[in-house]
N, C-alpha and C. Protein backbone atom coordinates (compact mmCIF):
# COMPACT_ATOMS: atom_id res chain seq x y z
N MET A 1 -60.32 1.92 62.43
CA MET A 1 -61.54 1.16 62.43
C MET A 1 -61.76 0.52 61.08
N ASP A 2 -62.16 -0.73 61.15
CA ASP A 2 -62.43 -1.49 59.93
C ASP A 2 -63.90 -1.90 59.98
N ILE A 3 -64.72 -1.24 59.19
CA ILE A 3 -66.15 -1.49 59.15
C ILE A 3 -66.48 -2.10 57.80
N ARG A 4 -67.09 -3.28 57.81
CA ARG A 4 -67.42 -3.97 56.57
C ARG A 4 -68.86 -4.45 56.60
N VAL A 5 -69.58 -4.15 55.55
CA VAL A 5 -70.93 -4.68 55.33
C VAL A 5 -70.87 -5.35 53.97
N GLN A 6 -71.06 -6.65 53.94
CA GLN A 6 -70.81 -7.39 52.70
C GLN A 6 -71.76 -8.56 52.55
N ASP A 7 -71.96 -8.97 51.30
CA ASP A 7 -72.77 -10.16 51.06
C ASP A 7 -71.91 -11.41 50.99
N ALA A 8 -70.63 -11.26 50.77
CA ALA A 8 -69.73 -12.41 50.64
C ALA A 8 -69.49 -13.10 51.98
N ALA A 9 -69.35 -14.42 51.92
CA ALA A 9 -69.00 -15.19 53.11
C ALA A 9 -67.60 -14.78 53.58
N PHE A 10 -67.30 -15.04 54.84
CA PHE A 10 -65.99 -14.71 55.37
C PHE A 10 -65.52 -15.82 56.29
N ASP A 11 -64.22 -15.87 56.49
CA ASP A 11 -63.59 -16.85 57.36
C ASP A 11 -63.16 -16.13 58.64
N PRO A 12 -63.87 -16.38 59.76
CA PRO A 12 -63.52 -15.68 61.01
C PRO A 12 -62.08 -15.89 61.44
N GLY A 13 -61.56 -17.10 61.27
CA GLY A 13 -60.18 -17.38 61.66
C GLY A 13 -59.19 -16.57 60.85
N ALA A 14 -59.43 -16.47 59.56
CA ALA A 14 -58.53 -15.69 58.70
C ALA A 14 -58.59 -14.21 59.06
N LEU A 15 -59.79 -13.70 59.33
CA LEU A 15 -59.91 -12.29 59.73
C LEU A 15 -59.19 -12.01 61.03
N LEU A 16 -59.35 -12.91 61.99
CA LEU A 16 -58.67 -12.73 63.27
C LEU A 16 -57.16 -12.81 63.10
N SER A 17 -56.70 -13.69 62.23
CA SER A 17 -55.26 -13.79 61.95
C SER A 17 -54.70 -12.52 61.32
N GLN A 18 -55.52 -11.81 60.56
CA GLN A 18 -55.10 -10.53 59.98
C GLN A 18 -55.17 -9.41 61.01
N PHE A 19 -56.20 -9.45 61.85
CA PHE A 19 -56.45 -8.39 62.83
C PHE A 19 -55.40 -8.38 63.95
N THR A 20 -55.02 -9.56 64.42
CA THR A 20 -54.16 -9.67 65.61
C THR A 20 -52.79 -9.01 65.45
N PRO A 21 -52.05 -9.24 64.37
CA PRO A 21 -50.76 -8.56 64.24
C PRO A 21 -50.91 -7.04 64.14
N HIS A 22 -51.96 -6.61 63.47
CA HIS A 22 -52.24 -5.17 63.37
C HIS A 22 -52.47 -4.60 64.78
N ALA A 23 -53.23 -5.32 65.60
CA ALA A 23 -53.50 -4.89 66.97
C ALA A 23 -52.21 -4.86 67.79
N ALA A 24 -51.38 -5.87 67.63
CA ALA A 24 -50.12 -5.93 68.39
C ALA A 24 -49.21 -4.77 68.02
N ARG A 25 -49.14 -4.44 66.74
CA ARG A 25 -48.31 -3.30 66.31
C ARG A 25 -48.84 -1.99 66.88
N ALA A 26 -50.13 -1.94 67.18
CA ALA A 26 -50.73 -0.73 67.76
C ALA A 26 -50.61 -0.72 69.28
N GLY A 27 -49.91 -1.70 69.87
CA GLY A 27 -49.68 -1.72 71.31
C GLY A 27 -50.67 -2.52 72.11
N ALA A 28 -51.50 -3.30 71.46
CA ALA A 28 -52.50 -4.09 72.18
C ALA A 28 -51.86 -5.26 72.91
N GLY A 29 -52.39 -5.52 74.08
CA GLY A 29 -52.03 -6.71 74.83
C GLY A 29 -53.19 -7.69 74.90
N ALA A 30 -54.34 -7.27 74.36
CA ALA A 30 -55.53 -8.11 74.38
C ALA A 30 -56.32 -7.92 73.09
N VAL A 31 -56.79 -9.02 72.56
CA VAL A 31 -57.69 -9.02 71.40
C VAL A 31 -58.88 -9.89 71.76
N ILE A 32 -60.05 -9.34 71.60
CA ILE A 32 -61.29 -10.06 71.86
C ILE A 32 -62.04 -10.14 70.54
N SER A 33 -62.58 -11.32 70.24
CA SER A 33 -63.40 -11.44 69.03
C SER A 33 -64.66 -12.22 69.35
N PHE A 34 -65.69 -11.90 68.60
CA PHE A 34 -66.97 -12.61 68.69
C PHE A 34 -67.47 -12.82 67.28
N THR A 35 -67.89 -14.04 66.99
CA THR A 35 -68.47 -14.35 65.69
C THR A 35 -69.88 -14.86 65.92
N GLY A 36 -70.85 -14.23 65.28
CA GLY A 36 -72.23 -14.67 65.35
C GLY A 36 -72.53 -15.58 64.18
N LEU A 37 -73.29 -16.65 64.45
CA LEU A 37 -73.67 -17.62 63.43
C LEU A 37 -75.18 -17.59 63.22
N VAL A 38 -75.61 -17.90 62.01
CA VAL A 38 -77.04 -18.08 61.76
C VAL A 38 -77.41 -19.39 62.43
N ARG A 39 -78.39 -19.34 63.30
CA ARG A 39 -78.78 -20.58 63.98
C ARG A 39 -80.15 -21.02 63.50
N ASP A 40 -80.37 -22.32 63.58
CA ASP A 40 -81.64 -22.89 63.19
C ASP A 40 -82.70 -22.47 64.20
N LEU A 41 -83.93 -22.58 63.82
CA LEU A 41 -85.04 -22.19 64.69
C LEU A 41 -85.62 -23.43 65.36
N PRO A 42 -85.41 -23.60 66.65
CA PRO A 42 -85.99 -24.77 67.32
C PRO A 42 -87.52 -24.67 67.28
N GLY A 43 -88.16 -25.78 66.99
CA GLY A 43 -89.61 -25.82 66.98
C GLY A 43 -90.25 -25.45 65.65
N ALA A 44 -89.50 -24.90 64.73
CA ALA A 44 -90.08 -24.54 63.43
C ALA A 44 -90.16 -25.80 62.58
N THR A 45 -91.29 -26.00 61.91
CA THR A 45 -91.45 -27.15 61.03
C THR A 45 -90.39 -27.10 59.94
N GLY A 46 -89.56 -28.12 59.89
CA GLY A 46 -88.53 -28.15 58.87
C GLY A 46 -87.36 -27.24 59.16
N GLY A 47 -87.39 -26.48 60.24
CA GLY A 47 -86.29 -25.60 60.60
C GLY A 47 -86.14 -24.40 59.69
N LEU A 48 -85.10 -23.67 59.90
CA LEU A 48 -84.80 -22.47 59.11
C LEU A 48 -84.13 -22.89 57.81
N SER A 49 -84.70 -22.50 56.69
CA SER A 49 -84.05 -22.82 55.42
C SER A 49 -83.06 -21.72 55.05
N ARG A 50 -83.43 -20.48 55.35
CA ARG A 50 -82.53 -19.35 55.10
C ARG A 50 -83.03 -18.12 55.84
N MET A 51 -82.12 -17.16 55.97
CA MET A 51 -82.44 -15.85 56.51
C MET A 51 -81.96 -14.84 55.47
N VAL A 52 -82.77 -13.84 55.22
CA VAL A 52 -82.38 -12.79 54.29
C VAL A 52 -82.24 -11.50 55.09
N ILE A 53 -81.09 -10.87 54.95
CA ILE A 53 -80.80 -9.63 55.68
C ILE A 53 -80.74 -8.49 54.68
N GLU A 54 -81.49 -7.43 54.99
CA GLU A 54 -81.50 -6.25 54.15
C GLU A 54 -80.91 -5.08 54.92
N HIS A 55 -80.41 -4.09 54.18
CA HIS A 55 -79.87 -2.88 54.79
C HIS A 55 -79.86 -1.78 53.74
N TYR A 56 -79.62 -0.55 54.17
CA TYR A 56 -79.47 0.57 53.26
C TYR A 56 -77.99 0.92 53.16
N PRO A 57 -77.37 0.66 52.00
CA PRO A 57 -75.94 0.99 51.86
C PRO A 57 -75.69 2.47 52.17
N GLY A 58 -74.58 2.71 52.79
CA GLY A 58 -74.22 4.07 53.19
C GLY A 58 -74.73 4.37 54.59
N MET A 59 -76.02 4.23 54.80
CA MET A 59 -76.60 4.47 56.12
C MET A 59 -76.08 3.45 57.13
N THR A 60 -76.03 2.20 56.72
CA THR A 60 -75.60 1.14 57.63
C THR A 60 -74.14 1.32 58.03
N GLU A 61 -73.29 1.55 57.05
CA GLU A 61 -71.86 1.73 57.35
C GLU A 61 -71.64 2.93 58.27
N LYS A 62 -72.37 4.02 58.03
CA LYS A 62 -72.23 5.19 58.88
C LYS A 62 -72.66 4.88 60.32
N ALA A 63 -73.76 4.16 60.47
CA ALA A 63 -74.24 3.80 61.81
C ALA A 63 -73.23 2.92 62.53
N LEU A 64 -72.62 1.96 61.82
CA LEU A 64 -71.63 1.08 62.45
C LEU A 64 -70.36 1.85 62.80
N HIS A 65 -69.97 2.76 61.93
CA HIS A 65 -68.80 3.61 62.21
C HIS A 65 -69.07 4.46 63.45
N ASP A 66 -70.26 5.03 63.56
CA ASP A 66 -70.61 5.87 64.71
C ASP A 66 -70.55 5.08 66.01
N ILE A 67 -71.06 3.86 66.02
CA ILE A 67 -71.05 3.08 67.26
C ILE A 67 -69.63 2.63 67.60
N ALA A 68 -68.81 2.37 66.59
CA ALA A 68 -67.41 2.03 66.85
C ALA A 68 -66.69 3.24 67.45
N GLN A 69 -67.02 4.43 66.97
CA GLN A 69 -66.45 5.67 67.54
C GLN A 69 -66.86 5.83 69.00
N GLN A 70 -68.14 5.53 69.30
CA GLN A 70 -68.61 5.61 70.68
C GLN A 70 -67.83 4.65 71.57
N ALA A 71 -67.62 3.43 71.09
CA ALA A 71 -66.86 2.44 71.87
C ALA A 71 -65.44 2.94 72.11
N SER A 72 -64.83 3.51 71.08
CA SER A 72 -63.46 4.01 71.21
C SER A 72 -63.37 5.20 72.16
N SER A 73 -64.44 5.97 72.27
CA SER A 73 -64.41 7.10 73.20
C SER A 73 -64.70 6.66 74.64
N ARG A 74 -65.36 5.52 74.83
CA ARG A 74 -65.67 5.02 76.17
C ARG A 74 -64.52 4.22 76.77
N TRP A 75 -63.82 3.47 75.92
CA TRP A 75 -62.75 2.60 76.39
C TRP A 75 -61.47 2.89 75.63
N SER A 76 -60.36 2.53 76.23
CA SER A 76 -59.06 2.72 75.60
C SER A 76 -58.83 1.57 74.61
N LEU A 77 -59.12 1.85 73.34
CA LEU A 77 -59.05 0.81 72.33
C LEU A 77 -58.00 1.11 71.28
N GLY A 78 -57.50 0.06 70.71
CA GLY A 78 -56.70 0.14 69.50
C GLY A 78 -57.63 -0.14 68.33
N PRO A 79 -57.24 -1.02 67.43
CA PRO A 79 -58.08 -1.33 66.28
C PRO A 79 -59.43 -1.95 66.68
N VAL A 80 -60.43 -1.68 65.85
CA VAL A 80 -61.77 -2.24 66.01
C VAL A 80 -62.21 -2.75 64.64
N LEU A 81 -62.78 -3.95 64.64
CA LEU A 81 -63.34 -4.53 63.42
C LEU A 81 -64.80 -4.84 63.65
N ILE A 82 -65.65 -4.41 62.73
CA ILE A 82 -67.05 -4.83 62.70
C ILE A 82 -67.34 -5.29 61.28
N LEU A 83 -67.76 -6.53 61.15
CA LEU A 83 -68.16 -7.07 59.86
C LEU A 83 -69.56 -7.65 60.01
N HIS A 84 -70.46 -7.29 59.13
CA HIS A 84 -71.82 -7.83 59.14
C HIS A 84 -72.22 -8.16 57.72
N ARG A 85 -72.80 -9.32 57.55
CA ARG A 85 -73.23 -9.75 56.22
C ARG A 85 -74.66 -9.32 55.95
N PHE A 86 -75.00 -9.28 54.67
CA PHE A 86 -76.37 -9.10 54.23
C PHE A 86 -76.63 -10.09 53.11
N GLY A 87 -77.88 -10.18 52.68
CA GLY A 87 -78.25 -11.13 51.65
C GLY A 87 -78.79 -12.41 52.25
N ALA A 88 -78.79 -13.47 51.48
CA ALA A 88 -79.32 -14.76 51.92
C ALA A 88 -78.24 -15.56 52.62
N LEU A 89 -78.56 -16.04 53.83
CA LEU A 89 -77.64 -16.85 54.61
C LEU A 89 -78.38 -18.09 55.10
N THR A 90 -77.64 -19.15 55.31
CA THR A 90 -78.23 -20.40 55.79
C THR A 90 -77.68 -20.72 57.18
N PRO A 91 -78.37 -21.61 57.91
CA PRO A 91 -77.90 -21.97 59.25
C PRO A 91 -76.44 -22.41 59.24
N GLU A 92 -75.75 -22.04 60.28
CA GLU A 92 -74.35 -22.34 60.57
C GLU A 92 -73.37 -21.39 59.89
N GLN A 93 -73.83 -20.53 58.99
CA GLN A 93 -72.91 -19.58 58.37
C GLN A 93 -72.60 -18.44 59.33
N PRO A 94 -71.37 -17.93 59.32
CA PRO A 94 -71.07 -16.72 60.08
C PRO A 94 -71.86 -15.54 59.50
N ILE A 95 -72.51 -14.81 60.39
CA ILE A 95 -73.32 -13.66 59.98
C ILE A 95 -72.61 -12.34 60.31
N MET A 96 -71.82 -12.35 61.36
CA MET A 96 -71.13 -11.12 61.76
C MET A 96 -69.94 -11.44 62.63
N MET A 97 -69.05 -10.45 62.75
CA MET A 97 -67.88 -10.59 63.61
C MET A 97 -67.50 -9.22 64.15
N VAL A 98 -67.13 -9.21 65.42
CA VAL A 98 -66.59 -8.02 66.08
C VAL A 98 -65.25 -8.41 66.67
N ALA A 99 -64.26 -7.56 66.50
CA ALA A 99 -62.98 -7.75 67.17
C ALA A 99 -62.54 -6.40 67.74
N THR A 100 -62.07 -6.42 68.97
CA THR A 100 -61.57 -5.22 69.61
C THR A 100 -60.19 -5.52 70.19
N ALA A 101 -59.37 -4.49 70.25
CA ALA A 101 -58.03 -4.63 70.79
C ALA A 101 -57.77 -3.49 71.77
N SER A 102 -57.04 -3.82 72.82
CA SER A 102 -56.72 -2.83 73.83
C SER A 102 -55.44 -3.26 74.54
N ALA A 103 -54.85 -2.33 75.26
CA ALA A 103 -53.66 -2.66 76.04
C ALA A 103 -53.99 -3.70 77.11
N HIS A 104 -55.22 -3.64 77.63
CA HIS A 104 -55.65 -4.55 78.70
C HIS A 104 -56.99 -5.18 78.35
N ARG A 105 -57.21 -6.38 78.84
CA ARG A 105 -58.38 -7.16 78.43
C ARG A 105 -59.71 -6.54 78.83
N ALA A 106 -59.80 -5.86 79.97
CA ALA A 106 -61.10 -5.35 80.42
C ALA A 106 -61.73 -4.42 79.39
N ASP A 107 -60.96 -3.47 78.87
CA ASP A 107 -61.50 -2.55 77.88
C ASP A 107 -61.91 -3.29 76.60
N ALA A 108 -61.11 -4.25 76.17
CA ALA A 108 -61.43 -5.00 74.95
C ALA A 108 -62.71 -5.81 75.14
N PHE A 109 -62.87 -6.46 76.30
CA PHE A 109 -64.09 -7.23 76.58
C PHE A 109 -65.31 -6.32 76.63
N LEU A 110 -65.21 -5.23 77.39
CA LEU A 110 -66.35 -4.32 77.53
C LEU A 110 -66.76 -3.71 76.19
N ALA A 111 -65.80 -3.29 75.41
CA ALA A 111 -66.12 -2.69 74.11
C ALA A 111 -66.77 -3.70 73.18
N ALA A 112 -66.26 -4.92 73.14
CA ALA A 112 -66.87 -5.95 72.29
C ALA A 112 -68.30 -6.23 72.73
N ASP A 113 -68.53 -6.32 74.03
CA ASP A 113 -69.87 -6.56 74.56
C ASP A 113 -70.82 -5.42 74.19
N PHE A 114 -70.36 -4.20 74.34
CA PHE A 114 -71.13 -3.01 73.97
C PHE A 114 -71.50 -3.05 72.49
N LEU A 115 -70.52 -3.33 71.64
CA LEU A 115 -70.77 -3.38 70.20
C LEU A 115 -71.78 -4.48 69.85
N MET A 116 -71.67 -5.63 70.48
CA MET A 116 -72.62 -6.72 70.22
C MET A 116 -74.03 -6.33 70.62
N ASP A 117 -74.18 -5.70 71.78
CA ASP A 117 -75.52 -5.28 72.21
C ASP A 117 -76.11 -4.28 71.22
N TYR A 118 -75.29 -3.37 70.73
CA TYR A 118 -75.76 -2.40 69.75
C TYR A 118 -76.17 -3.12 68.45
N LEU A 119 -75.33 -4.03 67.98
CA LEU A 119 -75.64 -4.73 66.72
C LEU A 119 -76.93 -5.53 66.82
N LYS A 120 -77.21 -6.11 67.97
CA LYS A 120 -78.43 -6.89 68.14
C LYS A 120 -79.68 -6.03 68.16
N SER A 121 -79.58 -4.81 68.65
CA SER A 121 -80.81 -4.04 68.88
C SER A 121 -80.94 -2.76 68.06
N ARG A 122 -79.86 -2.17 67.59
CA ARG A 122 -79.95 -0.86 66.96
C ARG A 122 -79.37 -0.77 65.55
N ALA A 123 -78.52 -1.68 65.19
CA ALA A 123 -77.92 -1.59 63.85
C ALA A 123 -79.00 -1.70 62.79
N PRO A 124 -78.92 -0.90 61.74
CA PRO A 124 -79.98 -0.87 60.73
C PRO A 124 -79.91 -2.03 59.74
N PHE A 125 -80.28 -3.21 60.26
CA PHE A 125 -80.42 -4.41 59.43
C PHE A 125 -81.83 -4.94 59.66
N TRP A 126 -82.42 -5.49 58.61
CA TRP A 126 -83.75 -6.10 58.72
C TRP A 126 -83.62 -7.54 58.29
N LYS A 127 -84.12 -8.44 59.15
CA LYS A 127 -83.94 -9.88 58.93
C LYS A 127 -85.29 -10.56 58.72
N LYS A 128 -85.33 -11.40 57.71
CA LYS A 128 -86.52 -12.19 57.42
C LYS A 128 -86.12 -13.66 57.42
N GLU A 129 -86.84 -14.46 58.20
CA GLU A 129 -86.55 -15.89 58.31
C GLU A 129 -87.53 -16.69 57.44
N PHE A 130 -87.00 -17.69 56.77
CA PHE A 130 -87.79 -18.55 55.90
C PHE A 130 -87.75 -19.98 56.43
N THR A 131 -88.94 -20.54 56.67
CA THR A 131 -89.08 -21.92 57.13
C THR A 131 -90.13 -22.61 56.26
N ALA A 132 -90.34 -23.89 56.51
CA ALA A 132 -91.40 -24.61 55.79
C ALA A 132 -92.77 -24.02 56.10
N ASP A 133 -92.89 -23.34 57.24
CA ASP A 133 -94.15 -22.71 57.64
C ASP A 133 -94.40 -21.38 56.95
N GLY A 134 -93.39 -20.83 56.28
CA GLY A 134 -93.53 -19.53 55.62
C GLY A 134 -92.38 -18.61 55.99
N ALA A 135 -92.62 -17.33 55.78
CA ALA A 135 -91.58 -16.32 56.05
C ALA A 135 -92.10 -15.31 57.06
N ALA A 136 -91.19 -14.79 57.88
CA ALA A 136 -91.57 -13.78 58.88
C ALA A 136 -90.38 -12.88 59.16
N TRP A 137 -90.67 -11.59 59.32
CA TRP A 137 -89.63 -10.64 59.73
C TRP A 137 -89.30 -10.89 61.19
N VAL A 138 -88.05 -10.74 61.54
CA VAL A 138 -87.59 -10.95 62.91
C VAL A 138 -87.91 -9.68 63.71
N ALA A 139 -88.64 -9.85 64.79
CA ALA A 139 -89.02 -8.73 65.65
C ALA A 139 -87.96 -8.50 66.72
N ALA A 140 -87.91 -7.27 67.20
CA ALA A 140 -87.00 -6.93 68.30
C ALA A 140 -87.40 -7.72 69.54
N LYS A 141 -86.41 -8.09 70.34
CA LYS A 141 -86.66 -8.84 71.57
C LYS A 141 -86.43 -7.95 72.77
N ASP A 142 -87.27 -8.12 73.78
CA ASP A 142 -87.11 -7.36 75.02
C ASP A 142 -85.75 -7.61 75.65
N SER A 143 -85.26 -8.85 75.56
CA SER A 143 -83.97 -9.17 76.17
C SER A 143 -82.83 -8.39 75.51
N ASP A 144 -82.93 -8.14 74.20
CA ASP A 144 -81.91 -7.35 73.52
C ASP A 144 -81.97 -5.89 73.97
N GLU A 145 -83.17 -5.37 74.14
CA GLU A 145 -83.34 -4.01 74.64
C GLU A 145 -82.81 -3.88 76.05
N ASP A 146 -83.10 -4.87 76.89
CA ASP A 146 -82.62 -4.86 78.28
C ASP A 146 -81.08 -4.85 78.31
N ALA A 147 -80.47 -5.65 77.45
CA ALA A 147 -79.00 -5.71 77.40
C ALA A 147 -78.44 -4.35 77.01
N LEU A 148 -79.06 -3.68 76.04
CA LEU A 148 -78.56 -2.39 75.60
C LEU A 148 -78.71 -1.32 76.67
N SER A 149 -79.75 -1.43 77.49
CA SER A 149 -80.02 -0.40 78.49
C SER A 149 -78.90 -0.27 79.53
N ARG A 150 -78.11 -1.30 79.72
CA ARG A 150 -77.04 -1.21 80.73
C ARG A 150 -75.92 -0.26 80.32
N TRP A 151 -75.87 0.13 79.05
CA TRP A 151 -74.81 1.02 78.56
C TRP A 151 -75.20 2.49 78.60
N ARG A 152 -76.40 2.79 79.01
CA ARG A 152 -76.84 4.20 79.03
C ARG A 152 -76.33 4.92 80.24
């Protein structure tokens, strides 16, 4: 498992290029990746100027490692990558990436979907959005909770 929490920007293509041969050597026949981007806020005056993400070092990495372990125990997985940024980010920047590998695509798809649902609703990150209208903490969404409930 490769768990990264970092403030530095990353290149999703380069990470996937590094991950894929490692997955193949581990016997994977499928690699699934998802990259989340900071998106602008429709309807906000002047749009999103930046998002600031906070976390508690140590606690966050442990939580991400635990959920990766859960995914590995539910599905037959090879390597797993979870990368999430913190600090100030602007629209269009990659904010996070998940990659899963498995002998067959179904397990890789399901595990990646599970990890994404967890990251959206339970991962210990706090996000504050800044627009011309001011700043506001991002609240949990019912749709994210609903998505997570299917894994119980």
